[in-house]
All heavy atoms as atom14 arrays in JSON, in Angstrom:
{
  "sequence": "KKISRKLAAHIGFDFDRGVIAESAHPFTTSLHNKDVRITTAYLENNL",
  "atom14_mask": [
    [1, 1, 1, 1, 1, 1, 1, 1, 1, 0, 0, 0, 0, 0],
    [1, 1, 1, 1, 1, 1, 1, 1, 1, 0, 0, 0, 0, 0],
    [1, 1, 1, 1, 1, 1, 1, 1, 0, 0, 0, 0, 0, 0],
    [1, 1, 1, 1, 1, 1, 0, 0, 0, 0, 0, 0, 0, 0],
    [1, 1, 1, 1, 1, 1, 1, 1, 1, 1, 1, 0, 0, 0],
    [1, 1, 1, 1, 1, 1, 1, 1, 1, 0, 0, 0, 0, 0],
    [1, 1, 1, 1, 1, 1, 1, 1, 0, 0, 0, 0, 0, 0],
    [1, 1, 1, 1, 1, 0, 0, 0, 0, 0, 0, 0, 0, 0],
    [1, 1, 1, 1, 1, 0, 0, 0, 0, 0, 0, 0, 0, 0],
    [1, 1, 1, 1, 1, 1, 1, 1, 1, 1, 0, 0, 0, 0],
    [1, 1, 1, 1, 1, 1, 1, 1, 0, 0, 0, 0, 0, 0],
    [1, 1, 1, 1, 0, 0, 0, 0, 0, 0, 0, 0, 0, 0],
    [1, 1, 1, 1, 1, 1, 1, 1, 1, 1, 1, 0, 0, 0],
    [1, 1, 1, 1, 1, 1, 1, 1, 0, 0, 0, 0, 0, 0],
    [1, 1, 1, 1, 1, 1, 1, 1, 1, 1, 1, 0, 0, 0],
    [1, 1, 1, 1, 1, 1, 1, 1, 0, 0, 0, 0, 0, 0],
    [1, 1, 1, 1, 1, 1, 1, 1, 1, 1, 1, 0, 0, 0],
    [1, 1, 1, 1, 0, 0, 0, 0, 0, 0, 0, 0, 0, 0],
    [1, 1, 1, 1, 1, 1, 1, 0, 0, 0, 0, 0, 0, 0],
    [1, 1, 1, 1, 1, 1, 1, 1, 0, 0, 0, 0, 0, 0],
    [1, 1, 1, 1, 1, 0, 0, 0, 0, 0, 0, 0, 0, 0],
    [1, 1, 1, 1, 1, 1, 1, 1, 1, 0, 0, 0, 0, 0],
    [1, 1, 1, 1, 1, 1, 0, 0, 0, 0, 0, 0, 0, 0],
    [1, 1, 1, 1, 1, 0, 0, 0, 0, 0, 0, 0, 0, 0],
    [1, 1, 1, 1, 1, 1, 1, 1, 1, 1, 0, 0, 0, 0],
    [1, 1, 1, 1, 1, 1, 1, 0, 0, 0, 0, 0, 0, 0],
    [1, 1, 1, 1, 1, 1, 1, 1, 1, 1, 1, 0, 0, 0],
    [1, 1, 1, 1, 1, 1, 1, 0, 0, 0, 0, 0, 0, 0],
    [1, 1, 1, 1, 1, 1, 1, 0, 0, 0, 0, 0, 0, 0],
    [1, 1, 1, 1, 1, 1, 0, 0, 0, 0, 0, 0, 0, 0],
    [1, 1, 1, 1, 1, 1, 1, 1, 0, 0, 0, 0, 0, 0],
    [1, 1, 1, 1, 1, 1, 1, 1, 1, 1, 0, 0, 0, 0],
    [1, 1, 1, 1, 1, 1, 1, 1, 0, 0, 0, 0, 0, 0],
    [1, 1, 1, 1, 1, 1, 1, 1, 1, 0, 0, 0, 0, 0],
    [1, 1, 1, 1, 1, 1, 1, 1, 0, 0, 0, 0, 0, 0],
    [1, 1, 1, 1, 1, 1, 1, 0, 0, 0, 0, 0, 0, 0],
    [1, 1, 1, 1, 1, 1, 1, 1, 1, 1, 1, 0, 0, 0],
    [1, 1, 1, 1, 1, 1, 1, 1, 0, 0, 0, 0, 0, 0],
    [1, 1, 1, 1, 1, 1, 1, 0, 0, 0, 0, 0, 0, 0],
    [1, 1, 1, 1, 1, 1, 1, 0, 0, 0, 0, 0, 0, 0],
    [1, 1, 1, 1, 1, 0, 0, 0, 0, 0, 0, 0, 0, 0],
    [1, 1, 1, 1, 1, 1, 1, 1, 1, 1, 1, 1, 0, 0],
    [1, 1, 1, 1, 1, 1, 1, 1, 0, 0, 0, 0, 0, 0],
    [1, 1, 1, 1, 1, 1, 1, 1, 1, 0, 0, 0, 0, 0],
    [1, 1, 1, 1, 1, 1, 1, 1, 0, 0, 0, 0, 0, 0],
    [1, 1, 1, 1, 1, 1, 1, 1, 0, 0, 0, 0, 0, 0],
    [1, 1, 1, 1, 1, 1, 1, 1, 0, 0, 0, 0, 0, 0]
  ],
  "atom14_positions": [
    [[-35.14, -46.94, 32.64], [-36.45, -46.91, 33.25], [-36.74, -48.1, 34.08], [-37.35, -48.0, 35.16], [-37.53, -46.67, 32.18], [-37.47, -45.37, 31.51], [-38.62, -45.25, 30.39], [-38.62, -43.88, 29.67], [-39.66, -43.82, 28.7], [0.0, 0.0, 0.0], [0.0, 0.0, 0.0], [0.0, 0.0, 0.0], [0.0, 0.0, 0.0], [0.0, 0.0, 0.0]],
    [[-36.26, -49.26, 33.51], [-36.47, -50.52, 34.42], [-35.61, -50.49, 35.61], [-36.1, -50.93, 36.59], [-36.08, -51.7, 33.43], [-37.16, -51.97, 32.25], [-36.68, -53.16, 31.43], [-37.68, -53.39, 30.34], [-37.17, -54.57, 29.52], [0.0, 0.0, 0.0], [0.0, 0.0, 0.0], [0.0, 0.0, 0.0], [0.0, 0.0, 0.0], [0.0, 0.0, 0.0]],
    [[-34.34, -49.95, 35.51], [-33.48, -49.83, 36.59], [-34.13, -48.93, 37.65], [-34.13, -49.13, 38.83], [-32.17, -49.25, 36.14], [-31.38, -50.29, 35.32], [-31.32, -48.96, 37.43], [-30.98, -51.55, 36.13], [0.0, 0.0, 0.0], [0.0, 0.0, 0.0], [0.0, 0.0, 0.0], [0.0, 0.0, 0.0], [0.0, 0.0, 0.0], [0.0, 0.0, 0.0]],
    [[-34.69, -47.88, 37.15], [-35.32, -46.79, 38.08], [-36.43, -47.48, 38.92], [-36.63, -47.24, 40.08], [-35.9, -45.69, 37.28], [-34.8, -44.78, 36.96], [0.0, 0.0, 0.0], [0.0, 0.0, 0.0], [0.0, 0.0, 0.0], [0.0, 0.0, 0.0], [0.0, 0.0, 0.0], [0.0, 0.0, 0.0], [0.0, 0.0, 0.0], [0.0, 0.0, 0.0]],
    [[-37.27, -48.31, 38.32], [-38.33, -48.98, 38.89], [-37.81, -49.92, 39.93], [-38.35, -50.06, 41.06], [-39.24, -49.65, 37.99], [-40.16, -48.73, 37.1], [-41.19, -49.51, 36.24], [-42.12, -50.17, 37.05], [-43.22, -49.71, 37.52], [-43.53, -48.43, 37.26], [-44.06, -50.41, 38.12], [0.0, 0.0, 0.0], [0.0, 0.0, 0.0], [0.0, 0.0, 0.0]],
    [[-36.81, -50.68, 39.58], [-36.18, -51.51, 40.58], [-35.47, -50.84, 41.73], [-35.6, -51.41, 42.96], [-35.05, -52.41, 39.79], [-35.6, -53.39, 38.84], [-34.63, -54.23, 38.14], [-35.26, -55.27, 37.12], [-34.22, -56.01, 36.46], [0.0, 0.0, 0.0], [0.0, 0.0, 0.0], [0.0, 0.0, 0.0], [0.0, 0.0, 0.0], [0.0, 0.0, 0.0]],
    [[-34.86, -49.79, 41.5], [-34.22, -49.01, 42.72], [-35.35, -48.49, 43.52], [-35.14, -48.58, 44.73], [-33.43, -47.9, 42.14], [-32.14, -48.21, 41.49], [-31.48, -47.0, 40.84], [-31.12, -48.79, 42.51], [0.0, 0.0, 0.0], [0.0, 0.0, 0.0], [0.0, 0.0, 0.0], [0.0, 0.0, 0.0], [0.0, 0.0, 0.0], [0.0, 0.0, 0.0]],
    [[-36.39, -47.94, 43.0], [-37.55, -47.44, 43.69], [-38.07, -48.51, 44.67], [-38.36, -48.41, 45.84], [-38.59, -46.84, 42.9], [0.0, 0.0, 0.0], [0.0, 0.0, 0.0], [0.0, 0.0, 0.0], [0.0, 0.0, 0.0], [0.0, 0.0, 0.0], [0.0, 0.0, 0.0], [0.0, 0.0, 0.0], [0.0, 0.0, 0.0], [0.0, 0.0, 0.0]],
    [[-38.39, -49.68, 44.03], [-38.89, -50.87, 44.7], [-37.95, -51.3, 45.85], [-38.33, -51.68, 46.95], [-39.19, -51.98, 43.74], [0.0, 0.0, 0.0], [0.0, 0.0, 0.0], [0.0, 0.0, 0.0], [0.0, 0.0, 0.0], [0.0, 0.0, 0.0], [0.0, 0.0, 0.0], [0.0, 0.0, 0.0], [0.0, 0.0, 0.0], [0.0, 0.0, 0.0]],
    [[-36.68, -51.22, 45.55], [-35.65, -51.72, 46.58], [-35.68, -50.92, 47.78], [-35.56, -51.43, 48.92], [-34.27, -51.62, 45.89], [-33.26, -52.19, 46.77], [-33.04, -53.53, 46.91], [-32.23, -51.65, 47.38], [-31.98, -53.67, 47.63], [-31.47, -52.58, 48.05], [0.0, 0.0, 0.0], [0.0, 0.0, 0.0], [0.0, 0.0, 0.0], [0.0, 0.0, 0.0]],
    [[-35.85, -49.59, 47.71], [-35.88, -48.65, 48.95], [-37.26, -48.77, 49.61], [-37.34, -48.22, 50.75], [-35.44, -47.37, 48.63], [-36.44, -46.51, 47.83], [-33.95, -47.25, 47.95], [-36.11, -45.12, 47.68], [0.0, 0.0, 0.0], [0.0, 0.0, 0.0], [0.0, 0.0, 0.0], [0.0, 0.0, 0.0], [0.0, 0.0, 0.0], [0.0, 0.0, 0.0]],
    [[-38.31, -49.37, 48.94], [-39.56, -49.44, 49.62], [-40.64, -48.71, 48.93], [-41.84, -48.66, 49.55], [0.0, 0.0, 0.0], [0.0, 0.0, 0.0], [0.0, 0.0, 0.0], [0.0, 0.0, 0.0], [0.0, 0.0, 0.0], [0.0, 0.0, 0.0], [0.0, 0.0, 0.0], [0.0, 0.0, 0.0], [0.0, 0.0, 0.0], [0.0, 0.0, 0.0]],
    [[-40.5, -48.18, 47.81], [-41.57, -47.36, 47.23], [-42.79, -48.36, 46.75], [-42.47, -49.45, 46.21], [-41.11, -46.77, 45.81], [-41.99, -45.9, 45.12], [-42.05, -44.59, 45.31], [-42.8, -46.34, 44.1], [-42.92, -43.69, 44.62], [-43.66, -45.65, 43.45], [-43.68, -44.31, 43.64], [0.0, 0.0, 0.0], [0.0, 0.0, 0.0], [0.0, 0.0, 0.0]],
    [[-43.83, -48.07, 47.21], [-45.14, -48.79, 47.01], [-45.84, -48.4, 45.74], [-46.38, -47.42, 45.71], [-46.04, -48.71, 48.33], [-47.21, -49.48, 48.25], [-47.46, -50.2, 47.28], [-47.84, -49.69, 49.28], [0.0, 0.0, 0.0], [0.0, 0.0, 0.0], [0.0, 0.0, 0.0], [0.0, 0.0, 0.0], [0.0, 0.0, 0.0], [0.0, 0.0, 0.0]],
    [[-45.81, -49.31, 44.77], [-46.45, -48.87, 43.49], [-47.89, -48.98, 43.57], [-48.57, -48.6, 42.6], [-45.87, -49.92, 42.39], [-44.46, -49.35, 41.95], [-43.36, -50.03, 42.41], [-44.37, -48.45, 40.95], [-42.02, -49.55, 42.12], [-43.02, -48.04, 40.63], [-41.95, -48.68, 41.15], [0.0, 0.0, 0.0], [0.0, 0.0, 0.0], [0.0, 0.0, 0.0]],
    [[-48.4, -49.44, 44.55], [-49.92, -49.34, 44.86], [-50.29, -48.1, 45.39], [-51.59, -47.73, 45.38], [-50.4, -50.44, 45.82], [-50.3, -51.86, 45.16], [-50.46, -52.02, 43.96], [-50.13, -52.9, 46.0], [0.0, 0.0, 0.0], [0.0, 0.0, 0.0], [0.0, 0.0, 0.0], [0.0, 0.0, 0.0], [0.0, 0.0, 0.0], [0.0, 0.0, 0.0]],
    [[-49.39, -47.33, 45.87], [-49.6, -45.97, 46.39], [-48.97, -44.83, 45.55], [-49.16, -43.79, 45.9], [-49.03, -45.86, 47.79], [-49.82, -46.64, 48.8], [-49.1, -46.54, 50.26], [-49.77, -47.35, 51.32], [-50.28, -46.71, 52.48], [-50.1, -45.47, 52.62], [-50.73, -47.53, 53.32], [0.0, 0.0, 0.0], [0.0, 0.0, 0.0], [0.0, 0.0, 0.0]],
    [[-48.16, -45.36, 44.66], [-47.43, -44.3, 43.88], [-47.06, -44.67, 42.42], [-47.14, -45.78, 42.05], [0.0, 0.0, 0.0], [0.0, 0.0, 0.0], [0.0, 0.0, 0.0], [0.0, 0.0, 0.0], [0.0, 0.0, 0.0], [0.0, 0.0, 0.0], [0.0, 0.0, 0.0], [0.0, 0.0, 0.0], [0.0, 0.0, 0.0], [0.0, 0.0, 0.0]],
    [[-46.69, -43.74, 41.68], [-46.27, -43.87, 40.3], [-45.01, -43.13, 39.91], [-44.57, -42.13, 40.66], [-47.45, -43.49, 39.34], [-48.67, -44.35, 39.38], [-47.71, -41.95, 39.49], [0.0, 0.0, 0.0], [0.0, 0.0, 0.0], [0.0, 0.0, 0.0], [0.0, 0.0, 0.0], [0.0, 0.0, 0.0], [0.0, 0.0, 0.0], [0.0, 0.0, 0.0]],
    [[-44.33, -43.53, 38.93], [-43.18, -42.8, 38.41], [-43.39, -42.37, 36.99], [-43.85, -43.11, 36.18], [-41.89, -43.73, 38.39], [-41.69, -44.3, 39.87], [-40.59, -42.94, 37.92], [-40.47, -45.24, 39.9], [0.0, 0.0, 0.0], [0.0, 0.0, 0.0], [0.0, 0.0, 0.0], [0.0, 0.0, 0.0], [0.0, 0.0, 0.0], [0.0, 0.0, 0.0]],
    [[-43.18, -41.02, 36.68], [-43.36, -40.55, 35.33], [-42.15, -39.75, 34.99], [-41.21, -39.69, 35.76], [-44.59, -39.64, 35.38], [0.0, 0.0, 0.0], [0.0, 0.0, 0.0], [0.0, 0.0, 0.0], [0.0, 0.0, 0.0], [0.0, 0.0, 0.0], [0.0, 0.0, 0.0], [0.0, 0.0, 0.0], [0.0, 0.0, 0.0], [0.0, 0.0, 0.0]],
    [[-42.15, -39.09, 33.8], [-41.04, -38.27, 33.35], [-41.45, -36.76, 33.35], [-42.51, -36.45, 33.02], [-40.56, -38.64, 31.96], [-39.96, -40.02, 31.91], [-39.52, -40.41, 30.46], [-38.7, -39.64, 29.89], [-40.11, -41.34, 29.87], [0.0, 0.0, 0.0], [0.0, 0.0, 0.0], [0.0, 0.0, 0.0], [0.0, 0.0, 0.0], [0.0, 0.0, 0.0]],
    [[-40.38, -35.98, 33.67], [-40.57, -34.56, 33.51], [-39.23, -33.86, 33.24], [-38.19, -34.49, 33.37], [-41.3, -34.02, 34.86], [-40.35, -34.14, 35.93], [0.0, 0.0, 0.0], [0.0, 0.0, 0.0], [0.0, 0.0, 0.0], [0.0, 0.0, 0.0], [0.0, 0.0, 0.0], [0.0, 0.0, 0.0], [0.0, 0.0, 0.0], [0.0, 0.0, 0.0]],
    [[-39.25, -32.52, 32.92], [-38.04, -31.94, 32.57], [-37.16, -31.74, 33.8], [-35.88, -31.73, 33.77], [-38.38, -30.4, 32.05], [0.0, 0.0, 0.0], [0.0, 0.0, 0.0], [0.0, 0.0, 0.0], [0.0, 0.0, 0.0], [0.0, 0.0, 0.0], [0.0, 0.0, 0.0], [0.0, 0.0, 0.0], [0.0, 0.0, 0.0], [0.0, 0.0, 0.0]],
    [[-37.8, -31.64, 34.96], [-37.06, -31.53, 36.22], [-37.73, -32.51, 37.3], [-39.03, -32.43, 37.54], [-37.31, -30.01, 36.87], [-36.46, -29.81, 38.05], [-35.33, -28.99, 37.96], [-36.59, -30.17, 39.28], [-34.78, -28.88, 39.15], [-35.53, -29.51, 40.01], [0.0, 0.0, 0.0], [0.0, 0.0, 0.0], [0.0, 0.0, 0.0], [0.0, 0.0, 0.0]],
    [[-36.97, -33.45, 37.86], [-37.55, -34.49, 38.7], [-38.18, -33.8, 39.99], [-37.65, -32.89, 40.43], [-36.32, -35.2, 39.12], [-35.35, -35.14, 38.0], [-35.49, -33.69, 37.5], [0.0, 0.0, 0.0], [0.0, 0.0, 0.0], [0.0, 0.0, 0.0], [0.0, 0.0, 0.0], [0.0, 0.0, 0.0], [0.0, 0.0, 0.0], [0.0, 0.0, 0.0]],
    [[-39.31, -34.32, 40.36], [-39.94, -33.82, 41.52], [-40.92, -34.85, 42.1], [-41.12, -35.86, 41.51], [-40.81, -32.63, 41.2], [-42.02, -32.74, 40.23], [-43.31, -32.92, 40.82], [-41.86, -32.78, 38.93], [-44.34, -33.26, 40.09], [-42.92, -32.94, 38.12], [-44.28, -33.12, 38.67], [0.0, 0.0, 0.0], [0.0, 0.0, 0.0], [0.0, 0.0, 0.0]],
    [[-41.35, -34.54, 43.27], [-42.3, -35.5, 44.01], [-43.6, -34.55, 44.29], [-43.41, -33.44, 44.7], [-41.8, -35.91, 45.35], [-40.56, -36.8, 44.97], [-42.79, -36.86, 46.11], [0.0, 0.0, 0.0], [0.0, 0.0, 0.0], [0.0, 0.0, 0.0], [0.0, 0.0, 0.0], [0.0, 0.0, 0.0], [0.0, 0.0, 0.0], [0.0, 0.0, 0.0]],
    [[-44.67, -35.14, 44.13], [-45.98, -34.49, 44.6], [-46.9, -35.55, 45.26], [-46.75, -36.76, 44.94], [-46.69, -33.77, 43.48], [-47.58, -32.96, 43.92], [-47.37, -34.75, 42.5], [0.0, 0.0, 0.0], [0.0, 0.0, 0.0], [0.0, 0.0, 0.0], [0.0, 0.0, 0.0], [0.0, 0.0, 0.0], [0.0, 0.0, 0.0], [0.0, 0.0, 0.0]],
    [[-47.83, -35.09, 46.11], [-48.53, -35.93, 46.84], [-49.99, -35.45, 47.08], [-50.08, -34.24, 47.42], [-48.0, -36.23, 48.27], [-48.86, -36.96, 49.04], [0.0, 0.0, 0.0], [0.0, 0.0, 0.0], [0.0, 0.0, 0.0], [0.0, 0.0, 0.0], [0.0, 0.0, 0.0], [0.0, 0.0, 0.0], [0.0, 0.0, 0.0], [0.0, 0.0, 0.0]],
    [[-50.91, -36.3, 46.64], [-52.38, -35.95, 46.96], [-52.68, -36.28, 48.42], [-53.48, -35.53, 49.05], [-53.27, -36.56, 46.01], [-53.46, -35.97, 44.48], [-52.3, -36.02, 43.78], [-54.71, -36.45, 43.82], [0.0, 0.0, 0.0], [0.0, 0.0, 0.0], [0.0, 0.0, 0.0], [0.0, 0.0, 0.0], [0.0, 0.0, 0.0], [0.0, 0.0, 0.0]],
    [[-52.26, -37.38, 48.89], [-52.25, -37.85, 50.17], [-51.42, -39.07, 50.24], [-50.73, -39.49, 49.33], [-53.76, -38.19, 50.5], [-54.5, -39.02, 49.43], [-54.22, -40.27, 49.22], [-55.4, -38.64, 48.51], [-55.02, -40.72, 48.18], [-55.69, -39.62, 47.73], [0.0, 0.0, 0.0], [0.0, 0.0, 0.0], [0.0, 0.0, 0.0], [0.0, 0.0, 0.0]],
    [[-51.45, -39.78, 51.47], [-50.49, -40.89, 51.65], [-50.75, -42.15, 50.93], [-49.88, -42.97, 50.82], [-50.45, -41.23, 53.2], [-51.77, -41.84, 53.78], [-52.71, -41.66, 53.04], [-51.64, -42.34, 54.96], [0.0, 0.0, 0.0], [0.0, 0.0, 0.0], [0.0, 0.0, 0.0], [0.0, 0.0, 0.0], [0.0, 0.0, 0.0], [0.0, 0.0, 0.0]],
    [[-51.82, -42.1, 50.07], [-52.04, -43.27, 49.24], [-51.99, -42.84, 47.71], [-52.36, -43.63, 46.97], [-53.43, -43.87, 49.51], [-53.56, -44.49, 50.97], [-54.93, -44.99, 51.36], [-54.87, -45.64, 52.66], [-54.5, -44.72, 53.77], [0.0, 0.0, 0.0], [0.0, 0.0, 0.0], [0.0, 0.0, 0.0], [0.0, 0.0, 0.0], [0.0, 0.0, 0.0]],
    [[-51.51, -41.75, 47.44], [-51.37, -41.27, 46.01], [-50.16, -40.29, 46.04], [-50.35, -39.01, 46.2], [-52.55, -40.61, 45.57], [-52.49, -40.3, 44.07], [-51.43, -40.33, 43.51], [-53.54, -40.07, 43.39], [0.0, 0.0, 0.0], [0.0, 0.0, 0.0], [0.0, 0.0, 0.0], [0.0, 0.0, 0.0], [0.0, 0.0, 0.0], [0.0, 0.0, 0.0]],
    [[-48.97, -40.94, 45.86], [-47.66, -40.17, 45.85], [-47.06, -40.32, 44.53], [-46.87, -41.46, 44.12], [-46.84, -40.66, 47.05], [-45.5, -39.83, 47.06], [-47.51, -40.57, 48.36], [0.0, 0.0, 0.0], [0.0, 0.0, 0.0], [0.0, 0.0, 0.0], [0.0, 0.0, 0.0], [0.0, 0.0, 0.0], [0.0, 0.0, 0.0], [0.0, 0.0, 0.0]],
    [[-46.64, -39.28, 43.81], [-46.15, -39.38, 42.58], [-44.77, -38.8, 42.42], [-44.55, -37.64, 42.97], [-47.06, -38.64, 41.52], [-48.5, -39.13, 41.76], [-49.54, -38.42, 40.77], [-50.85, -39.0, 41.09], [-51.81, -38.85, 40.18], [-51.63, -38.4, 39.04], [-53.07, -39.4, 40.52], [0.0, 0.0, 0.0], [0.0, 0.0, 0.0], [0.0, 0.0, 0.0]],
    [[-43.87, -39.43, 41.7], [-42.46, -38.95, 41.51], [-42.19, -39.02, 39.97], [-42.76, -39.7, 39.2], [-41.46, -39.79, 42.26], [-41.27, -41.12, 41.72], [-41.82, -39.88, 43.77], [-40.06, -41.92, 42.31], [0.0, 0.0, 0.0], [0.0, 0.0, 0.0], [0.0, 0.0, 0.0], [0.0, 0.0, 0.0], [0.0, 0.0, 0.0], [0.0, 0.0, 0.0]],
    [[-41.25, -38.04, 39.68], [-40.78, -38.08, 38.3], [-39.32, -38.12, 38.21], [-38.62, -37.82, 39.18], [-41.19, -36.79, 37.46], [-40.52, -35.72, 37.99], [-42.78, -36.49, 37.73], [0.0, 0.0, 0.0], [0.0, 0.0, 0.0], [0.0, 0.0, 0.0], [0.0, 0.0, 0.0], [0.0, 0.0, 0.0], [0.0, 0.0, 0.0], [0.0, 0.0, 0.0]],
    [[-38.73, -38.52, 37.2], [-37.36, -38.39, 36.78], [-37.19, -37.96, 35.4], [-38.1, -38.02, 34.65], [-36.64, -39.73, 37.21], [-35.26, -39.59, 37.33], [-36.96, -40.81, 36.26], [0.0, 0.0, 0.0], [0.0, 0.0, 0.0], [0.0, 0.0, 0.0], [0.0, 0.0, 0.0], [0.0, 0.0, 0.0], [0.0, 0.0, 0.0], [0.0, 0.0, 0.0]],
    [[-35.82, -37.74, 35.14], [-35.63, -37.3, 33.77], [-34.41, -38.31, 33.37], [-33.41, -38.56, 34.09], [-35.04, -35.9, 33.65], [0.0, 0.0, 0.0], [0.0, 0.0, 0.0], [0.0, 0.0, 0.0], [0.0, 0.0, 0.0], [0.0, 0.0, 0.0], [0.0, 0.0, 0.0], [0.0, 0.0, 0.0], [0.0, 0.0, 0.0], [0.0, 0.0, 0.0]],
    [[-34.4, -38.75, 32.1], [-33.41, -39.75, 31.65], [-32.44, -39.13, 30.58], [-32.94, -38.44, 29.64], [-34.15, -40.95, 31.06], [-34.98, -41.7, 32.01], [-36.3, -41.23, 32.1], [-34.47, -42.64, 32.88], [-37.11, -41.91, 33.04], [-35.27, -43.3, 33.79], [-36.58, -42.98, 33.9], [-37.46, -43.6, 34.76], [0.0, 0.0, 0.0], [0.0, 0.0, 0.0]],
    [[-31.17, -39.37, 30.8], [-30.13, -38.92, 29.82], [-29.41, -40.06, 29.44], [-28.95, -40.98, 30.12], [-29.18, -37.92, 30.66], [-29.78, -36.7, 31.21], [-28.76, -35.87, 32.02], [-30.37, -35.78, 30.17], [0.0, 0.0, 0.0], [0.0, 0.0, 0.0], [0.0, 0.0, 0.0], [0.0, 0.0, 0.0], [0.0, 0.0, 0.0], [0.0, 0.0, 0.0]],
    [[-29.31, -40.17, 28.12], [-28.7, -41.31, 27.41], [-27.24, -41.52, 27.85], [-26.8, -42.69, 28.11], [-28.82, -41.33, 25.87], [-28.45, -42.62, 25.25], [-28.72, -42.53, 23.7], [-28.09, -41.68, 23.11], [-29.6, -43.33, 23.24], [0.0, 0.0, 0.0], [0.0, 0.0, 0.0], [0.0, 0.0, 0.0], [0.0, 0.0, 0.0], [0.0, 0.0, 0.0]],
    [[-26.55, -40.45, 28.06], [-25.12, -40.53, 28.3], [-24.84, -40.17, 29.73], [-23.75, -39.47, 30.01], [-24.38, -39.55, 27.44], [-24.56, -40.01, 25.85], [-25.23, -39.42, 25.14], [-24.07, -41.21, 25.63], [0.0, 0.0, 0.0], [0.0, 0.0, 0.0], [0.0, 0.0, 0.0], [0.0, 0.0, 0.0], [0.0, 0.0, 0.0], [0.0, 0.0, 0.0]],
    [[-25.71, -40.41, 30.63], [-25.41, -40.16, 32.11], [-26.2, -41.16, 32.92], [-27.36, -40.91, 33.15], [-25.79, -38.68, 32.44], [-25.3, -38.36, 33.79], [-25.21, -39.16, 34.77], [-25.13, -37.07, 33.93], [0.0, 0.0, 0.0], [0.0, 0.0, 0.0], [0.0, 0.0, 0.0], [0.0, 0.0, 0.0], [0.0, 0.0, 0.0], [0.0, 0.0, 0.0]],
    [[-25.69, -42.22, 33.3], [-26.29, -43.31, 34.04], [-26.73, -42.86, 35.42], [-27.91, -43.21, 35.77], [-25.38, -44.54, 34.14], [-25.83, -45.66, 34.94], [-27.19, -46.29, 34.2], [-24.86, -46.76, 35.11], [0.0, 0.0, 0.0], [0.0, 0.0, 0.0], [0.0, 0.0, 0.0], [0.0, 0.0, 0.0], [0.0, 0.0, 0.0], [0.0, 0.0, 0.0]]
  ]
}
C-alpha cells in the first residue's frame, strides 16, 4: 500500500484532489476534477 501511494505520487497523482482505496476490481471514478478516486486490489503473492 505504501508503494502504491509512492507510485501514484511519482506520476503526478494529487492527493489533495484524489484518494486511493481498495475494491474487488480496480477502478477510477470522478465527481469532478477536484475529487477523483481510484482503487486497487492487493495480492500477497503478486507484487
